[in-house]
Protein backbone atom coordinates (compact mmCIF):
# COMPACT_ATOMS: atom_id res chain seq x y z
CA UNK A 1 0.00 0.00 0.00
CA UNK A 2 1.24 3.42 -0.96
CA UNK A 3 -0.42 6.61 0.17
CA UNK A 4 -0.65 9.60 -2.10
CA UNK A 5 -0.44 13.03 -0.53
CA UNK A 6 -3.53 14.84 0.78
CA UNK A 7 -4.22 18.46 -0.18
CA UNK A 8 -1.97 19.93 2.49
CA UNK A 9 -2.08 23.17 0.52
CA UNK A 10 -5.37 23.68 2.40
CA UNK A 11 -3.72 23.36 5.81
CA UNK A 12 -3.71 26.47 7.99
CA UNK A 13 0.03 27.08 7.70
CA UNK A 14 -0.08 27.18 3.90
CA UNK A 15 -3.31 29.17 3.82
CA UNK A 16 -1.66 31.74 6.09
CA UNK A 17 1.21 32.00 3.58
CA UNK A 18 -1.27 33.19 0.96
CA UNK A 19 -2.78 32.20 -2.39
CA UNK A 20 0.59 32.06 -4.15
CA UNK A 21 1.95 29.49 -1.70
CA UNK A 22 -1.29 27.51 -1.89
CA UNK A 23 -1.16 27.39 -5.69
CA UNK A 24 2.49 26.30 -5.79
CA UNK A 25 1.95 23.62 -3.17
CA UNK A 26 -1.19 22.34 -4.94
CA UNK A 27 0.67 22.04 -8.25
CA UNK A 28 3.49 20.15 -6.53
CA UNK A 29 1.03 17.82 -4.77
CA UNK A 30 -0.84 17.03 -7.97
CA UNK A 31 2.43 16.37 -9.79
CA UNK A 32 3.69 14.09 -7.02
CA UNK A 33 0.42 12.16 -6.84
CA UNK A 34 0.36 11.71 -10.61
CA UNK A 35 3.92 10.35 -10.53
CA UNK A 36 3.04 7.95 -7.70
CA UNK A 37 0.03 6.68 -9.67
CA UNK A 38 2.10 6.17 -12.83
CA UNK A 39 4.81 4.39 -10.85
CA UNK A 40 2.29 2.05 -9.23
CA UNK A 41 0.62 1.21 -12.55
CA UNK A 42 4.01 0.36 -14.05
CA UNK A 43 5.09 -1.63 -11.00
CA UNK A 44 1.87 -3.64 -10.96
CA UNK A 45 2.06 -4.38 -14.69
CA UNK A 46 5.62 -5.69 -14.26
CA UNK A 47 4.79 -7.68 -11.12
CA UNK A 48 1.59 -9.56 -11.87
CA UNK A 49 1.78 -11.55 -8.63
CA UNK A 50 1.50 -8.35 -6.59
CA UNK A 51 -1.58 -6.35 -5.69
CA UNK A 52 -0.98 -2.65 -5.37
CA UNK A 53 -3.22 -0.40 -3.32
CA UNK A 54 -2.97 3.38 -3.52
CA UNK A 55 -4.68 5.01 -0.56
CA UNK A 56 -5.83 8.48 -1.57
CA UNK A 57 -6.64 10.61 1.50
CA UNK A 58 -7.61 13.68 -0.59
CA UNK A 59 -11.35 13.64 0.19
CA UNK A 60 -10.87 12.67 3.84
CA UNK A 61 -8.51 15.59 4.34
CA UNK A 62 -10.92 18.05 2.70
CA UNK A 63 -13.76 16.77 4.89
CA UNK A 64 -11.62 17.21 8.02
CA UNK A 65 -10.81 20.80 7.03
CA UNK A 66 -14.35 21.76 6.00
CA UNK A 67 -16.31 19.84 8.67
CA UNK A 68 -14.19 18.36 11.44
CA UNK A 69 -17.32 17.11 13.26
CA UNK A 70 -17.99 14.72 10.35
CA UNK A 71 -15.43 12.25 11.70
CA UNK A 72 -14.92 11.19 15.32
CA UNK A 73 -11.14 11.45 14.89
CA UNK A 74 -11.32 15.17 14.07
CA UNK A 75 -14.55 16.05 15.90
CA UNK A 76 -12.71 17.53 18.88
CA UNK A 77 -10.72 20.04 16.85
CA UNK A 78 -11.65 23.61 17.69
CA UNK A 79 -10.38 25.04 14.43
CA UNK A 80 -9.14 23.60 11.17
CA UNK A 81 -8.92 26.87 9.32
CA UNK A 82 -6.43 28.85 11.38
CA UNK A 83 -2.82 28.28 12.33
CA UNK A 84 -1.97 27.27 15.89
CA UNK A 85 1.46 27.80 17.43
CA UNK A 86 1.07 24.46 19.24
CA UNK A 87 1.54 22.74 15.85
CA UNK A 88 5.25 23.50 16.27
CA UNK A 89 5.61 21.40 19.44
C-alpha atoms as a PDB file:
ATOM      1  CA  UNK A   1       0.000   0.000   0.000  1.00  0.00           C
ATOM      2  CA  UNK A   2       1.235   3.419  -0.963  1.00  0.00           C
ATOM      3  CA  UNK A   3      -0.423   6.613   0.175  1.00  0.00           C
ATOM      4  CA  UNK A   4      -0.654   9.602  -2.097  1.00  0.00           C
ATOM      5  CA  UNK A   5      -0.440  13.031  -0.526  1.00  0.00           C
ATOM      6  CA  UNK A   6      -3.528  14.839   0.779  1.00  0.00           C
ATOM      7  CA  UNK A   7      -4.217  18.464  -0.176  1.00  0.00           C
ATOM      8  CA  UNK A   8      -1.971  19.933   2.494  1.00  0.00           C
ATOM      9  CA  UNK A   9      -2.080  23.168   0.517  1.00  0.00           C
ATOM     10  CA  UNK A  10      -5.372  23.684   2.404  1.00  0.00           C
ATOM     11  CA  UNK A  11      -3.722  23.357   5.807  1.00  0.00           C
ATOM     12  CA  UNK A  12      -3.708  26.472   7.986  1.00  0.00           C
ATOM     13  CA  UNK A  13       0.031  27.085   7.701  1.00  0.00           C
ATOM     14  CA  UNK A  14      -0.075  27.176   3.900  1.00  0.00           C
ATOM     15  CA  UNK A  15      -3.313  29.174   3.821  1.00  0.00           C
ATOM     16  CA  UNK A  16      -1.656  31.742   6.090  1.00  0.00           C
ATOM     17  CA  UNK A  17       1.213  32.004   3.583  1.00  0.00           C
ATOM     18  CA  UNK A  18      -1.274  33.190   0.962  1.00  0.00           C
ATOM     19  CA  UNK A  19      -2.779  32.198  -2.391  1.00  0.00           C
ATOM     20  CA  UNK A  20       0.588  32.056  -4.154  1.00  0.00           C
ATOM     21  CA  UNK A  21       1.952  29.490  -1.704  1.00  0.00           C
ATOM     22  CA  UNK A  22      -1.286  27.515  -1.888  1.00  0.00           C
ATOM     23  CA  UNK A  23      -1.159  27.385  -5.690  1.00  0.00           C
ATOM     24  CA  UNK A  24       2.489  26.302  -5.787  1.00  0.00           C
ATOM     25  CA  UNK A  25       1.949  23.617  -3.169  1.00  0.00           C
ATOM     26  CA  UNK A  26      -1.190  22.342  -4.942  1.00  0.00           C
ATOM     27  CA  UNK A  27       0.666  22.037  -8.254  1.00  0.00           C
ATOM     28  CA  UNK A  28       3.490  20.152  -6.533  1.00  0.00           C
ATOM     29  CA  UNK A  29       1.026  17.823  -4.770  1.00  0.00           C
ATOM     30  CA  UNK A  30      -0.838  17.029  -7.966  1.00  0.00           C
ATOM     31  CA  UNK A  31       2.432  16.373  -9.793  1.00  0.00           C
ATOM     32  CA  UNK A  32       3.694  14.089  -7.018  1.00  0.00           C
ATOM     33  CA  UNK A  33       0.421  12.156  -6.839  1.00  0.00           C
ATOM     34  CA  UNK A  34       0.363  11.705 -10.615  1.00  0.00           C
ATOM     35  CA  UNK A  35       3.920  10.353 -10.530  1.00  0.00           C
ATOM     36  CA  UNK A  36       3.038   7.949  -7.705  1.00  0.00           C
ATOM     37  CA  UNK A  37       0.033   6.681  -9.672  1.00  0.00           C
ATOM     38  CA  UNK A  38       2.105   6.167 -12.827  1.00  0.00           C
ATOM     39  CA  UNK A  39       4.811   4.390 -10.847  1.00  0.00           C
ATOM     40  CA  UNK A  40       2.294   2.053  -9.227  1.00  0.00           C
ATOM     41  CA  UNK A  41       0.625   1.210 -12.546  1.00  0.00           C
ATOM     42  CA  UNK A  42       4.006   0.361 -14.045  1.00  0.00           C
ATOM     43  CA  UNK A  43       5.089  -1.633 -10.996  1.00  0.00           C
ATOM     44  CA  UNK A  44       1.869  -3.640 -10.956  1.00  0.00           C
ATOM     45  CA  UNK A  45       2.065  -4.375 -14.690  1.00  0.00           C
ATOM     46  CA  UNK A  46       5.622  -5.692 -14.260  1.00  0.00           C
ATOM     47  CA  UNK A  47       4.787  -7.685 -11.121  1.00  0.00           C
ATOM     48  CA  UNK A  48       1.585  -9.560 -11.868  1.00  0.00           C
ATOM     49  CA  UNK A  49       1.781 -11.548  -8.630  1.00  0.00           C
ATOM     50  CA  UNK A  50       1.498  -8.352  -6.585  1.00  0.00           C
ATOM     51  CA  UNK A  51      -1.578  -6.355  -5.687  1.00  0.00           C
ATOM     52  CA  UNK A  52      -0.980  -2.648  -5.370  1.00  0.00           C
ATOM     53  CA  UNK A  53      -3.218  -0.396  -3.319  1.00  0.00           C
ATOM     54  CA  UNK A  54      -2.971   3.385  -3.520  1.00  0.00           C
ATOM     55  CA  UNK A  55      -4.678   5.009  -0.558  1.00  0.00           C
ATOM     56  CA  UNK A  56      -5.832   8.483  -1.574  1.00  0.00           C
ATOM     57  CA  UNK A  57      -6.640  10.607   1.498  1.00  0.00           C
ATOM     58  CA  UNK A  58      -7.613  13.677  -0.595  1.00  0.00           C
ATOM     59  CA  UNK A  59     -11.354  13.640   0.188  1.00  0.00           C
ATOM     60  CA  UNK A  60     -10.871  12.666   3.838  1.00  0.00           C
ATOM     61  CA  UNK A  61      -8.508  15.591   4.335  1.00  0.00           C
ATOM     62  CA  UNK A  62     -10.922  18.052   2.697  1.00  0.00           C
ATOM     63  CA  UNK A  63     -13.759  16.769   4.889  1.00  0.00           C
ATOM     64  CA  UNK A  64     -11.621  17.207   8.017  1.00  0.00           C
ATOM     65  CA  UNK A  65     -10.810  20.798   7.034  1.00  0.00           C
ATOM     66  CA  UNK A  66     -14.352  21.764   6.004  1.00  0.00           C
ATOM     67  CA  UNK A  67     -16.312  19.841   8.666  1.00  0.00           C
ATOM     68  CA  UNK A  68     -14.191  18.359  11.445  1.00  0.00           C
ATOM     69  CA  UNK A  69     -17.324  17.111  13.263  1.00  0.00           C
ATOM     70  CA  UNK A  70     -17.995  14.724  10.345  1.00  0.00           C
ATOM     71  CA  UNK A  71     -15.428  12.254  11.704  1.00  0.00           C
ATOM     72  CA  UNK A  72     -14.916  11.194  15.325  1.00  0.00           C
ATOM     73  CA  UNK A  73     -11.144  11.452  14.885  1.00  0.00           C
ATOM     74  CA  UNK A  74     -11.321  15.173  14.075  1.00  0.00           C
ATOM     75  CA  UNK A  75     -14.548  16.054  15.897  1.00  0.00           C
ATOM     76  CA  UNK A  76     -12.710  17.530  18.878  1.00  0.00           C
ATOM     77  CA  UNK A  77     -10.716  20.041  16.853  1.00  0.00           C
ATOM     78  CA  UNK A  78     -11.652  23.606  17.692  1.00  0.00           C
ATOM     79  CA  UNK A  79     -10.380  25.039  14.429  1.00  0.00           C
ATOM     80  CA  UNK A  80      -9.140  23.599  11.172  1.00  0.00           C
ATOM     81  CA  UNK A  81      -8.918  26.874   9.316  1.00  0.00           C
ATOM     82  CA  UNK A  82      -6.432  28.852  11.378  1.00  0.00           C
ATOM     83  CA  UNK A  83      -2.819  28.283  12.332  1.00  0.00           C
ATOM     84  CA  UNK A  84      -1.969  27.274  15.893  1.00  0.00           C
ATOM     85  CA  UNK A  85       1.465  27.801  17.434  1.00  0.00           C
ATOM     86  CA  UNK A  86       1.070  24.463  19.243  1.00  0.00           C
ATOM     87  CA  UNK A  87       1.540  22.736  15.847  1.00  0.00           C
ATOM     88  CA  UNK A  88       5.248  23.502  16.272  1.00  0.00           C
ATOM     89  CA  UNK A  89       5.609  21.399  19.442  1.00  0.00           C
END
